[in-house]
Amino acid sequence: MPLLEVILVGEGEREVRAFVEEAHRIFKEVLGTPEGRLRVAVYPLPDPLEEAEGPGEG
């Protein structure tokens, strides 16, 4: 099963949903991926300020 991993660089659930729908359409049209056979995982981009401070700091 194809897996498309996405790193989210902005906020907006509506934008993510639209992106996922478009990804499904493209995979189906271009690669012939059957409906329901593409998994899309969306990960938020870590905040560099939180990473620099370390856990429990700040």
PDB file of N, CA and C in Angstrom:
ATOM      1  N   MET A   1       0.851  -1.172   0.000  1.00  0.00           N
ATOM      2  CA  MET A   1       0.000   0.000   0.000  1.00  0.00           C
ATOM      3  C   MET A   1       0.901   1.241   0.000  1.00  0.00           C
ATOM      4  N   PRO A   2       0.730   2.140  -0.967  1.00  0.00           N
ATOM      5  CA  PRO A   2       1.545   3.352  -1.007  1.00  0.00           C
ATOM      6  C   PRO A   2       1.311   4.221   0.224  1.00  0.00           C
ATOM      7  N   LEU A   3       2.384   4.844   0.713  1.00  0.00           N
ATOM      8  CA  LEU A   3       2.299   5.753   1.849  1.00  0.00           C
ATOM      9  C   LEU A   3       2.929   7.076   1.457  1.00  0.00           C
ATOM     10  N   LEU A   4       2.179   8.151   1.604  1.00  0.00           N
ATOM     11  CA  LEU A   4       2.675   9.496   1.350  1.00  0.00           C
ATOM     12  C   LEU A   4       2.821  10.170   2.699  1.00  0.00           C
ATOM     13  N   GLU A   5       4.056  10.548   3.064  1.00  0.00           N
ATOM     14  CA  GLU A   5       4.290  11.227   4.331  1.00  0.00           C
ATOM     15  C   GLU A   5       4.468  12.713   4.060  1.00  0.00           C
ATOM     16  N   VAL A   6       3.773  13.532   4.838  1.00  0.00           N
ATOM     17  CA  VAL A   6       3.764  14.976   4.635  1.00  0.00           C
ATOM     18  C   VAL A   6       4.210  15.652   5.920  1.00  0.00           C
ATOM     19  N   ILE A   7       5.111  16.619   5.813  1.00  0.00           N
ATOM     20  CA  ILE A   7       5.489  17.435   6.963  1.00  0.00           C
ATOM     21  C   ILE A   7       4.722  18.736   6.854  1.00  0.00           C
ATOM     22  N   LEU A   8       3.894  18.999   7.842  1.00  0.00           N
ATOM     23  CA  LEU A   8       3.025  20.169   7.851  1.00  0.00           C
ATOM     24  C   LEU A   8       3.819  21.389   8.297  1.00  0.00           C
ATOM     25  N   VAL A   9       3.890  22.420   7.449  1.00  0.00           N
ATOM     26  CA  VAL A   9       4.655  23.613   7.781  1.00  0.00           C
ATOM     27  C   VAL A   9       3.777  24.795   8.153  1.00  0.00           C
ATOM     28  N   GLY A  10       2.490  24.642   8.052  1.00  0.00           N
ATOM     29  CA  GLY A  10       1.571  25.705   8.420  1.00  0.00           C
ATOM     30  C   GLY A  10       0.441  25.116   9.225  1.00  0.00           C
ATOM     31  N   GLU A  11      -0.497  25.951   9.563  1.00  0.00           N
ATOM     32  CA  GLU A  11      -1.643  25.452  10.299  1.00  0.00           C
ATOM     33  C   GLU A  11      -2.866  25.579   9.419  1.00  0.00           C
ATOM     34  N   GLY A  12      -3.877  24.852   9.748  1.00  0.00           N
ATOM     35  CA  GLY A  12      -5.118  24.922   8.994  1.00  0.00           C
ATOM     36  C   GLY A  12      -5.588  23.548   8.606  1.00  0.00           C
ATOM     37  N   GLU A  13      -6.522  23.030   9.373  1.00  0.00           N
ATOM     38  CA  GLU A  13      -7.030  21.685   9.118  1.00  0.00           C
ATOM     39  C   GLU A  13      -7.668  21.590   7.741  1.00  0.00           C
ATOM     40  N   ARG A  14      -8.302  22.664   7.307  1.00  0.00           N
ATOM     41  CA  ARG A  14      -8.970  22.660   6.003  1.00  0.00           C
ATOM     42  C   ARG A  14      -7.944  22.498   4.886  1.00  0.00           C
ATOM     43  N   GLU A  15      -6.786  23.174   5.014  1.00  0.00           N
ATOM     44  CA  GLU A  15      -5.745  23.061   3.998  1.00  0.00           C
ATOM     45  C   GLU A  15      -5.197  21.638   3.931  1.00  0.00           C
ATOM     46  N   VAL A  16      -5.017  21.019   5.084  1.00  0.00           N
ATOM     47  CA  VAL A  16      -4.511  19.647   5.122  1.00  0.00           C
ATOM     48  C   VAL A  16      -5.509  18.707   4.465  1.00  0.00           C
ATOM     49  N   ARG A  17      -6.767  18.863   4.794  1.00  0.00           N
ATOM     50  CA  ARG A  17      -7.808  18.001   4.216  1.00  0.00           C
ATOM     51  C   ARG A  17      -7.836  18.153   2.696  1.00  0.00           C
ATOM     52  N   ALA A  18      -7.753  19.389   2.206  1.00  0.00           N
ATOM     53  CA  ALA A  18      -7.762  19.624   0.761  1.00  0.00           C
ATOM     54  C   ALA A  18      -6.528  19.000   0.108  1.00  0.00           C
ATOM     55  N   PHE A  19      -5.373  19.110   0.766  1.00  0.00           N
ATOM     56  CA  PHE A  19      -4.150  18.523   0.233  1.00  0.00           C
ATOM     57  C   PHE A  19      -4.281  17.004   0.124  1.00  0.00           C
ATOM     58  N   VAL A  20      -4.811  16.383   1.180  1.00  0.00           N
ATOM     59  CA  VAL A  20      -4.966  14.928   1.190  1.00  0.00           C
ATOM     60  C   VAL A  20      -5.922  14.488   0.084  1.00  0.00           C
ATOM     61  N   GLU A  21      -7.023  15.204  -0.089  1.00  0.00           N
ATOM     62  CA  GLU A  21      -7.971  14.868  -1.158  1.00  0.00           C
ATOM     63  C   GLU A  21      -7.308  14.974  -2.525  1.00  0.00           C
ATOM     64  N   GLU A  22      -6.514  16.021  -2.728  1.00  0.00           N
ATOM     65  CA  GLU A  22      -5.821  16.203  -4.008  1.00  0.00           C
ATOM     66  C   GLU A  22      -4.770  15.111  -4.209  1.00  0.00           C
ATOM     67  N   ALA A  23      -4.071  14.733  -3.148  1.00  0.00           N
ATOM     68  CA  ALA A  23      -3.075  13.662  -3.250  1.00  0.00           C
ATOM     69  C   ALA A  23      -3.744  12.358  -3.679  1.00  0.00           C
ATOM     70  N   HIS A  24      -4.889  12.047  -3.088  1.00  0.00           N
ATOM     71  CA  HIS A  24      -5.623  10.840  -3.475  1.00  0.00           C
ATOM     72  C   HIS A  24      -6.014  10.901  -4.951  1.00  0.00           C
ATOM     73  N   ARG A  25      -6.487  12.063  -5.401  1.00  0.00           N
ATOM     74  CA  ARG A  25      -6.896  12.215  -6.796  1.00  0.00           C
ATOM     75  C   ARG A  25      -5.706  12.001  -7.738  1.00  0.00           C
ATOM     76  N   ILE A  26      -4.567  12.616  -7.407  1.00  0.00           N
ATOM     77  CA  ILE A  26      -3.383  12.505  -8.263  1.00  0.00           C
ATOM     78  C   ILE A  26      -2.874  11.065  -8.302  1.00  0.00           C
ATOM     79  N   PHE A  27      -2.780  10.421  -7.139  1.00  0.00           N
ATOM     80  CA  PHE A  27      -2.302   9.040  -7.112  1.00  0.00           C
ATOM     81  C   PHE A  27      -3.220   8.129  -7.913  1.00  0.00           C
ATOM     82  N   LYS A  28      -4.520   8.369  -7.840  1.00  0.00           N
ATOM     83  CA  LYS A  28      -5.468   7.543  -8.591  1.00  0.00           C
ATOM     84  C   LYS A  28      -5.321   7.793 -10.090  1.00  0.00           C
ATOM     85  N   GLU A  29      -5.250   9.071 -10.473  1.00  0.00           N
ATOM     86  CA  GLU A  29      -5.191   9.434 -11.890  1.00  0.00           C
ATOM     87  C   GLU A  29      -3.861   9.051 -12.531  1.00  0.00           C
ATOM     88  N   VAL A  30      -2.750   9.378 -11.881  1.00  0.00           N
ATOM     89  CA  VAL A  30      -1.436   9.195 -12.491  1.00  0.00           C
ATOM     90  C   VAL A  30      -0.901   7.774 -12.307  1.00  0.00           C
ATOM     91  N   LEU A  31      -1.071   7.229 -11.110  1.00  0.00           N
ATOM     92  CA  LEU A  31      -0.484   5.925 -10.818  1.00  0.00           C
ATOM     93  C   LEU A  31      -1.486   4.778 -10.836  1.00  0.00           C
ATOM     94  N   GLY A  32      -2.773   5.107 -10.995  1.00  0.00           N
ATOM     95  CA  GLY A  32      -3.789   4.062 -11.006  1.00  0.00           C
ATOM     96  C   GLY A  32      -4.018   3.427  -9.644  1.00  0.00           C
ATOM     97  N   THR A  33      -3.697   4.158  -8.580  1.00  0.00           N
ATOM     98  CA  THR A  33      -3.887   3.639  -7.224  1.00  0.00           C
ATOM     99  C   THR A  33      -5.378   3.525  -6.937  1.00  0.00           C
ATOM    100  N   PRO A  34      -5.853   2.332  -6.592  1.00  0.00           N
ATOM    101  CA  PRO A  34      -7.283   2.158  -6.314  1.00  0.00           C
ATOM    102  C   PRO A  34      -7.742   2.992  -5.120  1.00  0.00           C
ATOM    103  N   GLU A  35      -9.016   3.339  -5.125  1.00  0.00           N
ATOM    104  CA  GLU A  35      -9.626   4.088  -4.026  1.00  0.00           C
ATOM    105  C   GLU A  35      -9.376   3.363  -2.705  1.00  0.00           C
ATOM    106  N   GLY A  36      -8.944   4.093  -1.700  1.00  0.00           N
ATOM    107  CA  GLY A  36      -8.719   3.512  -0.383  1.00  0.00           C
ATOM    108  C   GLY A  36      -7.389   2.797  -0.210  1.00  0.00           C
ATOM    109  N   ARG A  37      -6.524   2.834  -1.231  1.00  0.00           N
ATOM    110  CA  ARG A  37      -5.242   2.124  -1.138  1.00  0.00           C
ATOM    111  C   ARG A  37      -4.069   3.050  -0.858  1.00  0.00           C
ATOM    112  N   LEU A  38      -4.298   4.345  -0.749  1.00  0.00           N
ATOM    113  CA  LEU A  38      -3.230   5.292  -0.436  1.00  0.00           C
ATOM    114  C   LEU A  38      -3.390   5.746   1.003  1.00  0.00           C
ATOM    115  N   ARG A  39      -2.329   5.609   1.775  1.00  0.00           N
ATOM    116  CA  ARG A  39      -2.331   6.133   3.141  1.00  0.00           C
ATOM    117  C   ARG A  39      -1.553   7.434   3.138  1.00  0.00           C
ATOM    118  N   VAL A  40      -2.067   8.427   3.838  1.00  0.00           N
ATOM    119  CA  VAL A  40      -1.398   9.721   3.940  1.00  0.00           C
ATOM    120  C   VAL A  40      -1.173  10.006   5.414  1.00  0.00           C
ATOM    121  N   ALA A  41       0.084  10.225   5.793  1.00  0.00           N
ATOM    122  CA  ALA A  41       0.429  10.564   7.169  1.00  0.00           C
ATOM    123  C   ALA A  41       0.912  12.009   7.192  1.00  0.00           C
ATOM    124  N   VAL A  42       0.328  12.814   8.065  1.00  0.00           N
ATOM    125  CA  VAL A  42       0.677  14.231   8.155  1.00  0.00           C
ATOM    126  C   VAL A  42       1.320  14.475   9.511  1.00  0.00           C
ATOM    127  N   TYR A  43       2.532  15.021   9.490  1.00  0.00           N
ATOM    128  CA  TYR A  43       3.272  15.305  10.712  1.00  0.00           C
ATOM    129  C   TYR A  43       3.513  16.808  10.818  1.00  0.00           C
ATOM    130  N   PRO A  44       3.335  17.389  12.004  1.00  0.00           N
ATOM    131  CA  PRO A  44       3.651  18.812  12.156  1.00  0.00           C
ATOM    132  C   PRO A  44       5.163  19.016  12.171  1.00  0.00           C
ATOM    133  N   LEU A  45       5.605  20.114  11.598  1.00  0.00           N
ATOM    134  CA  LEU A  45       7.016  20.474  11.622  1.00  0.00           C
ATOM    135  C   LEU A  45       7.353  20.922  13.037  1.00  0.00           C
ATOM    136  N   PRO A  46       8.386  20.355  13.666  1.00  0.00           N
ATOM    137  CA  PRO A  46       8.721  20.757  15.033  1.00  0.00           C
ATOM    138  C   PRO A  46       9.075  22.242  15.114  1.00  0.00           C
ATOM    139  N   ASP A  47       8.681  22.870  16.201  1.00  0.00           N
ATOM    140  CA  ASP A  47       8.993  24.278  16.431  1.00  0.00           C
ATOM    141  C   ASP A  47      10.462  24.380  16.827  1.00  0.00           C
ATOM    142  N   PRO A  48      11.297  25.068  16.035  1.00  0.00           N
ATOM    143  CA  PRO A  48      12.732  25.132  16.339  1.00  0.00           C
ATOM    144  C   PRO A  48      13.015  25.797  17.689  1.00  0.00           C
ATOM    145  N   LEU A  49      12.167  26.709  18.137  1.00  0.00           N
ATOM    146  CA  LEU A  49      12.383  27.353  19.431  1.00  0.00           C
ATOM    147  C   LEU A  49      12.195  26.362  20.574  1.00  0.00           C
ATOM    148  N   GLU A  50      11.197  25.492  20.470  1.00  0.00           N
ATOM    149  CA  GLU A  50      10.976  24.486  21.505  1.00  0.00           C
ATOM    150  C   GLU A  50      12.122  23.485  21.538  1.00  0.00           C
ATOM    151  N   GLU A  51      12.646  23.112  20.385  1.00  0.00           N
ATOM    152  CA  GLU A  51      13.754  22.165  20.336  1.00  0.00           C
ATOM    153  C   GLU A  51      15.016  22.770  20.932  1.00  0.00           C
ATOM    154  N   ALA A  52      15.263  24.069  20.695  1.00  0.00           N
ATOM    155  CA  ALA A  52      16.459  24.733  21.198  1.00  0.00           C
ATOM    156  C   ALA A  52      16.433  24.834  22.722  1.00  0.00           C
ATOM    157  N   GLU A  53      15.253  25.024  23.301  1.00  0.00           N
ATOM    158  CA  GLU A  53      15.135  25.163  24.749  1.00  0.00           C
ATOM    159  C   GLU A  53      15.325  23.831  25.457  1.00  0.00           C
ATOM    160  N   GLY A  54      14.946  22.762  24.812  1.00  0.00           N
ATOM    161  CA  GLY A  54      15.037  21.448  25.437  1.00  0.00           C
ATOM    162  C   GLY A  54      13.827  21.173  26.293  1.00  0.00           C
ATOM    163  N   PRO A  55      13.650  19.933  26.689  1.00  0.00           N
ATOM    164  CA  PRO A  55      12.475  19.579  27.488  1.00  0.00           C
ATOM    165  C   PRO A  55      12.523  20.205  28.882  1.00  0.00           C
ATOM    166  N   GLY A  56      11.386  20.746  29.294  1.00  0.00           N
ATOM    167  CA  GLY A  56      11.263  21.303  30.636  1.00  0.00           C
ATOM    168  C   GLY A  56      11.872  22.670  30.828  1.00  0.00           C
ATOM    169  N   GLU A  57      12.480  23.225  29.801  1.00  0.00           N
ATOM    170  CA  GLU A  57      13.074  24.557  29.911  1.00  0.00           C
ATOM    171  C   GLU A  57      12.140  25.577  29.298  1.00  0.00           C
ATOM    172  N   GLY A  58      12.337  26.847  29.683  1.00  0.00           N
ATOM    173  CA  GLY A  58      11.583  27.908  29.023  1.00  0.00           C
ATOM    174  C   GLY A  58      10.535  28.425  29.834  1.00  0.00           C
TER     175      GLY A  58
END
